[in-house]
Amino acid sequence: MKDLQLKNIFFILLGSAIYSFGFVHFNIQNELGEGGFAGITLILYFLWNWDPALMNLLLNIPLFFIGWKLLGRKVFLYTIIGTVAVSVFLKIFLVYEVQIPLRDDLFLAALFAGVFVGMGLGIIFRYGGTTGGVDIIARLVQKYFGWSMGKTMFLFDALVILLSWLTFLDYRSMMYTLVAVFVGARVIDFVQEGAYSGRGALIISNSQEEIASRIAIEMDRGITILRGYGHFTKEEREVLYCVVARNELVRLKNIVNSVDPHAFVSLIEVHDVMGEGFTLDEQKQPL
């Protein structure tokens, strides 16, 4: 256990609680489906009233024995913590359930389901854990059949949602389930990528020194000079690279345009920016 960090365990437990709260109070209460093993537990619950907390454990235990070598010791232990925590919190929220009347507004219920489930899973993933299930299956398929994990997880989720539609979902609940799954996927990405995001700019110009100086002085942003080679001109060129916050993008464009209206500028999405000016101040202390 010495390899495990208390901070990671705390956030995996927190994520499990958030996920379980949303699963019980928005998916189960409003009879919405879900992808993955969570969706299977919902099918078993609505068809035969089998306990989702218990089913979550029973479905994952065989996969633990199959996939522990693939996950590695640390991730395997975090996965056990996450899976057990989800089952425990599911049981708690099922016993001490709070009624949230949203049956007349399934769109709002689907949004809440997606946000809570996505936020919970995003936190679990961000701190090194998983909830077992499809993640382990996807790793096995990737190893033995060469399929990407994303492809396997998408196909499995689609199959489970289709099976839910054939068993307990009507067409209306089916569509709202898709809304919840889509929102959940976006929230997972947001939580994993982090709150700090911005844009990276690649700038090619004959006035790169003046542009770099103005960005450094007027925007207080660092610039990296990359060595480039033009395929058509066969000339070596300097390429400026800098990262700015989203709200600084207009200032950056104005600076470049005022110095060289013919400059070539390429903007790229940058996620989870770390370092001075974003997560650290000039003394390298967290902001």
Protein backbone atom coordinates (compact mmCIF):
# COMPACT_ATOMS: atom_id res chain seq x y z
CA MET A 1 0.00 0.00 0.00
CA LYS A 2 3.02 2.30 0.27
CA ASP A 3 2.75 3.14 -3.44
CA LEU A 4 -0.74 4.55 -2.99
CA GLN A 5 -1.24 8.24 -2.23
CA LEU A 6 -3.82 9.37 0.31
CA LYS A 7 -4.74 12.32 -1.91
CA ASN A 8 -5.56 10.00 -4.80
CA ILE A 9 -7.57 7.68 -2.56
CA PHE A 10 -9.54 10.63 -1.17
CA PHE A 11 -10.47 11.93 -4.60
CA ILE A 12 -11.32 8.44 -5.89
CA LEU A 13 -13.70 8.09 -2.93
CA LEU A 14 -15.11 11.57 -3.62
CA GLY A 15 -15.61 10.74 -7.29
CA SER A 16 -17.28 7.45 -6.37
CA ALA A 17 -19.71 9.30 -4.09
CA ILE A 18 -20.60 11.88 -6.76
CA TYR A 19 -21.02 9.18 -9.40
CA SER A 20 -23.21 7.00 -7.16
CA PHE A 21 -25.40 9.92 -6.10
CA GLY A 22 -26.11 10.83 -9.71
CA PHE A 23 -26.64 7.20 -10.73
CA VAL A 24 -29.24 6.60 -8.01
CA HIS A 25 -31.03 9.95 -7.99
CA PHE A 26 -31.14 10.65 -11.73
CA ASN A 27 -30.67 7.40 -13.65
CA ILE A 28 -32.58 5.04 -11.38
CA GLN A 29 -35.22 7.48 -10.14
CA ASN A 30 -36.07 8.54 -13.70
CA GLU A 31 -35.59 5.11 -15.34
CA LEU A 32 -32.79 6.27 -17.62
CA GLY A 33 -30.23 3.83 -18.99
CA GLU A 34 -26.46 4.01 -19.01
CA GLY A 35 -23.56 2.47 -20.91
CA GLY A 36 -21.05 -0.09 -19.70
CA PHE A 37 -21.46 -2.31 -16.68
CA ALA A 38 -23.53 0.39 -15.00
CA GLY A 39 -26.08 -0.06 -17.77
CA ILE A 40 -26.11 -3.82 -17.18
CA THR A 41 -26.83 -3.30 -13.48
CA LEU A 42 -29.76 -1.06 -14.46
CA ILE A 43 -31.18 -3.75 -16.76
CA LEU A 44 -30.95 -6.31 -13.95
CA TYR A 45 -32.50 -3.85 -11.50
CA PHE A 46 -35.49 -2.83 -13.61
CA LEU A 47 -36.20 -6.37 -14.87
CA TRP A 48 -35.72 -8.39 -11.68
CA ASN A 49 -35.05 -5.80 -8.96
CA TRP A 50 -31.51 -7.07 -8.38
CA ASP A 51 -29.43 -4.83 -6.15
CA PRO A 52 -27.18 -2.57 -8.35
CA ALA A 53 -24.59 -2.27 -5.59
CA LEU A 54 -24.20 -6.04 -5.32
CA MET A 55 -24.35 -6.59 -9.09
CA ASN A 56 -21.60 -4.01 -9.62
CA LEU A 57 -19.27 -6.08 -7.44
CA LEU A 58 -20.29 -9.48 -8.81
CA LEU A 59 -19.83 -8.37 -12.42
CA ASN A 60 -16.39 -6.89 -11.74
CA ILE A 61 -14.84 -9.58 -9.52
CA PRO A 62 -14.15 -12.03 -12.41
CA LEU A 63 -12.54 -9.21 -14.41
CA PHE A 64 -10.24 -8.37 -11.50
CA PHE A 65 -8.71 -11.84 -11.68
CA ILE A 66 -8.41 -11.62 -15.48
CA GLY A 67 -7.06 -8.10 -15.77
CA TRP A 68 -4.84 -7.50 -12.75
CA LYS A 69 -1.64 -8.12 -14.70
CA LEU A 70 -2.69 -5.71 -17.43
CA LEU A 71 -3.49 -2.86 -15.06
CA GLY A 72 -0.33 -2.93 -13.01
CA ARG A 73 -0.20 -3.08 -9.22
CA LYS A 74 -0.98 0.57 -8.46
CA VAL A 75 -3.81 1.00 -10.96
CA PHE A 76 -5.20 -2.39 -9.93
CA LEU A 77 -5.37 -1.34 -6.28
CA TYR A 78 -6.93 2.02 -7.19
CA THR A 79 -9.45 0.14 -9.37
CA ILE A 80 -10.44 -2.11 -6.47
CA ILE A 81 -10.85 0.95 -4.24
CA GLY A 82 -12.96 2.72 -6.87
CA THR A 83 -15.17 -0.29 -7.61
CA VAL A 84 -15.79 -1.15 -3.96
CA ALA A 85 -16.41 2.51 -3.11
CA VAL A 86 -18.99 2.82 -5.90
CA SER A 87 -20.85 -0.24 -4.60
CA VAL A 88 -20.76 1.05 -1.01
CA PHE A 89 -22.04 4.50 -1.97
CA LEU A 90 -24.69 2.98 -4.25
CA LYS A 91 -25.99 1.00 -1.30
CA ILE A 92 -25.96 4.05 0.97
CA PHE A 93 -27.86 6.23 -1.50
CA LEU A 94 -30.33 3.44 -2.29
CA VAL A 95 -31.11 3.04 1.42
CA TYR A 96 -31.13 6.77 2.21
CA GLU A 97 -32.60 7.93 -1.08
CA VAL A 98 -33.67 11.55 -1.54
CA GLN A 99 -36.61 12.08 -3.85
CA ILE A 100 -35.80 14.59 -6.59
CA PRO A 101 -38.99 15.06 -8.65
CA LEU A 102 -37.84 15.29 -12.26
CA ARG A 103 -40.03 12.67 -13.95
CA ASP A 104 -41.95 15.46 -15.70
CA ASP A 105 -38.74 16.94 -17.08
CA LEU A 106 -36.59 14.09 -18.39
CA PHE A 107 -34.34 16.47 -20.29
CA LEU A 108 -33.26 18.10 -17.03
CA ALA A 109 -32.92 14.67 -15.42
CA ALA A 110 -30.68 13.55 -18.30
CA LEU A 111 -28.51 16.65 -17.93
CA PHE A 112 -28.11 16.08 -14.20
CA ALA A 113 -27.37 12.39 -14.77
CA GLY A 114 -24.67 13.24 -17.31
CA VAL A 115 -23.09 15.92 -15.14
CA PHE A 116 -22.97 13.86 -11.93
CA VAL A 117 -21.91 10.59 -13.54
CA GLY A 118 -19.37 12.37 -15.76
CA MET A 119 -17.94 14.44 -12.93
CA GLY A 120 -17.62 11.41 -10.66
CA LEU A 121 -15.93 9.25 -13.28
CA GLY A 122 -13.74 12.15 -14.42
CA ILE A 123 -12.41 12.62 -10.88
CA ILE A 124 -11.81 8.89 -10.49
CA PHE A 125 -9.91 8.70 -13.79
CA ARG A 126 -7.96 11.91 -13.10
CA TYR A 127 -6.54 10.47 -9.88
CA GLY A 128 -5.45 7.13 -11.31
CA GLY A 129 -8.46 4.95 -10.63
CA THR A 130 -11.06 3.17 -12.72
CA THR A 131 -14.33 1.47 -11.90
CA GLY A 132 -13.33 -1.76 -13.61
CA GLY A 133 -15.82 -3.17 -16.08
CA VAL A 134 -15.44 -2.09 -19.69
CA ASP A 135 -12.04 -0.51 -19.06
CA ILE A 136 -10.54 -3.93 -18.28
CA ILE A 137 -12.34 -5.58 -21.20
CA ALA A 138 -11.06 -2.86 -23.55
CA ARG A 139 -7.48 -3.43 -22.39
CA LEU A 140 -7.82 -7.19 -22.98
CA VAL A 141 -9.28 -6.71 -26.46
CA GLN A 142 -6.53 -4.24 -27.32
CA LYS A 143 -3.85 -6.70 -26.23
CA TYR A 144 -5.20 -9.79 -27.96
CA PHE A 145 -7.09 -8.38 -30.97
CA GLY A 146 -5.43 -5.01 -31.59
CA TRP A 147 -8.62 -2.93 -31.31
CA SER A 148 -8.34 0.54 -29.83
CA MET A 149 -9.76 0.95 -26.32
CA GLY A 150 -12.06 3.74 -27.50
CA LYS A 151 -13.58 1.54 -30.20
CA THR A 152 -14.21 -1.34 -27.81
CA MET A 153 -15.74 0.90 -25.15
CA PHE A 154 -17.99 2.60 -27.71
CA LEU A 155 -19.25 -0.72 -29.11
CA PHE A 156 -19.85 -2.15 -25.64
CA ASP A 157 -21.73 0.96 -24.50
CA ALA A 158 -23.82 0.96 -27.70
CA LEU A 159 -24.69 -2.72 -27.21
CA VAL A 160 -25.73 -2.17 -23.58
CA ILE A 161 -27.88 0.86 -24.44
CA LEU A 162 -29.52 -1.08 -27.28
CA LEU A 163 -30.20 -3.96 -24.89
CA SER A 164 -31.69 -1.49 -22.40
CA TRP A 165 -34.02 -0.20 -25.12
CA LEU A 166 -35.15 -3.75 -25.89
CA THR A 167 -35.85 -4.53 -22.24
CA PHE A 168 -37.02 -1.61 -20.10
CA LEU A 169 -36.52 1.70 -21.93
CA ASP A 170 -39.22 3.23 -24.11
CA TYR A 171 -38.14 5.30 -27.13
CA ARG A 172 -38.47 8.58 -25.19
CA SER A 173 -36.29 7.40 -22.30
CA MET A 174 -33.88 5.94 -24.84
CA MET A 175 -33.28 9.35 -26.42
CA TYR A 176 -32.79 11.02 -23.05
CA THR A 177 -30.36 8.24 -22.11
CA LEU A 178 -28.28 9.17 -25.17
CA VAL A 179 -28.34 12.81 -24.00
CA ALA A 180 -27.11 11.75 -20.54
CA VAL A 181 -24.33 9.57 -22.01
CA PHE A 182 -23.20 12.35 -24.35
CA VAL A 183 -23.14 14.97 -21.58
CA GLY A 184 -21.34 12.53 -19.27
CA ALA A 185 -18.62 11.90 -21.86
CA ARG A 186 -18.04 15.63 -22.32
CA VAL A 187 -17.88 16.24 -18.56
CA ILE A 188 -15.38 13.37 -18.15
CA ASP A 189 -13.15 15.01 -20.77
CA PHE A 190 -13.45 18.41 -19.10
CA VAL A 191 -12.58 17.09 -15.64
CA GLN A 192 -9.65 15.02 -16.94
CA GLU A 193 -8.25 17.83 -19.08
CA GLY A 194 -8.38 20.25 -16.18
CA ALA A 195 -9.76 23.70 -15.55
CA TYR A 196 -6.74 25.41 -17.07
CA SER A 197 -6.95 25.50 -20.84
CA GLY A 198 -5.88 27.85 -23.55
CA ARG A 199 -4.64 28.14 -27.09
CA GLY A 200 -1.23 27.43 -28.51
CA ALA A 201 -0.08 29.71 -31.33
CA LEU A 202 2.47 28.81 -34.02
CA ILE A 203 3.61 31.99 -35.76
CA ILE A 204 5.72 32.22 -38.91
CA SER A 205 6.79 35.72 -39.94
CA ASN A 206 9.68 37.76 -41.33
CA SER A 207 9.33 39.97 -38.23
CA GLN A 208 9.50 37.25 -35.62
CA GLU A 209 11.84 39.19 -33.30
CA GLU A 210 9.50 42.20 -33.05
CA ILE A 211 6.45 39.97 -32.60
CA ALA A 212 8.18 37.95 -29.85
CA SER A 213 9.29 41.12 -28.04
CA ARG A 214 5.81 42.65 -28.07
CA ILE A 215 4.18 39.44 -26.84
CA ALA A 216 6.72 39.22 -24.02
CA ILE A 217 6.35 42.90 -23.00
CA GLU A 218 2.67 43.58 -23.62
CA MET A 219 1.23 40.18 -22.66
CA ASP A 220 3.90 38.92 -20.27
CA ARG A 221 3.94 35.56 -22.01
CA GLY A 222 6.94 33.39 -22.77
CA ILE A 223 7.84 32.50 -26.35
CA THR A 224 9.74 29.48 -27.62
CA ILE A 225 11.60 29.65 -30.93
CA LEU A 226 11.42 26.45 -32.98
CA ARG A 227 13.52 25.66 -36.02
CA GLY A 228 11.44 25.02 -39.12
CA TYR A 229 12.14 24.14 -42.73
CA GLY A 230 9.91 25.16 -45.63
CA HIS A 231 9.23 22.29 -48.01
CA PHE A 232 8.38 24.56 -50.93
CA THR A 233 10.98 27.33 -50.38
CA LYS A 234 13.68 24.97 -49.07
CA GLU A 235 14.53 27.66 -46.53
CA GLU A 236 15.04 27.41 -42.79
CA ARG A 237 12.63 29.55 -40.79
CA GLU A 238 12.13 30.36 -37.14
CA VAL A 239 8.70 29.46 -35.78
CA LEU A 240 7.39 31.21 -32.67
CA TYR A 241 5.35 29.15 -30.23
CA CYS A 242 3.47 30.52 -27.24
CA VAL A 243 0.49 29.55 -25.11
CA VAL A 244 -2.09 32.10 -24.07
CA ALA A 245 -5.35 32.00 -22.15
CA ARG A 246 -8.53 32.04 -24.22
CA ASN A 247 -9.36 35.61 -23.22
CA GLU A 248 -5.93 36.76 -24.46
CA LEU A 249 -6.39 35.41 -27.96
CA VAL A 250 -7.67 38.67 -29.46
CA ARG A 251 -4.71 40.62 -28.03
CA LEU A 252 -2.30 38.09 -29.52
CA LYS A 253 -3.90 38.34 -32.96
CA ASN A 254 -3.86 42.15 -32.82
CA ILE A 255 -0.16 42.21 -31.96
CA VAL A 256 0.77 39.83 -34.78
CA ASN A 257 -1.45 41.63 -37.29
CA SER A 258 -0.09 45.08 -36.38
CA VAL A 259 3.52 43.92 -36.86
CA ASP A 260 3.05 41.66 -39.87
CA PRO A 261 -0.41 41.41 -41.51
CA HIS A 262 0.96 38.64 -43.76
CA ALA A 263 2.20 36.42 -40.89
CA PHE A 264 1.09 32.80 -40.89
CA VAL A 265 -0.63 31.93 -37.59
CA SER A 266 -1.92 28.50 -36.61
CA LEU A 267 -3.96 28.11 -33.42
CA ILE A 268 -4.35 24.81 -31.60
CA GLU A 269 -6.34 23.69 -28.57
CA VAL A 270 -4.20 23.27 -25.45
CA HIS A 271 -5.54 21.35 -22.46
CA ASP A 272 -4.38 21.14 -18.88
CA VAL A 273 -1.79 23.92 -19.08
CA MET A 274 0.77 23.79 -16.29
CA GLY A 275 3.64 26.08 -15.44
CA GLU A 276 4.48 29.74 -14.91
CA GLY A 277 1.71 32.12 -15.86
CA PHE A 278 -0.99 29.46 -15.66
CA THR A 279 -0.65 27.32 -12.52
CA LEU A 280 2.52 28.92 -11.09
CA ASP A 281 3.48 32.54 -10.42
CA GLU A 282 6.88 34.13 -11.12
CA GLN A 283 8.27 32.60 -7.89
CA LYS A 284 7.14 29.13 -9.04
CA GLN A 285 4.43 29.06 -6.39
CA PRO A 286 0.94 27.70 -7.11
CA LEU A 287 -1.55 30.35 -8.13
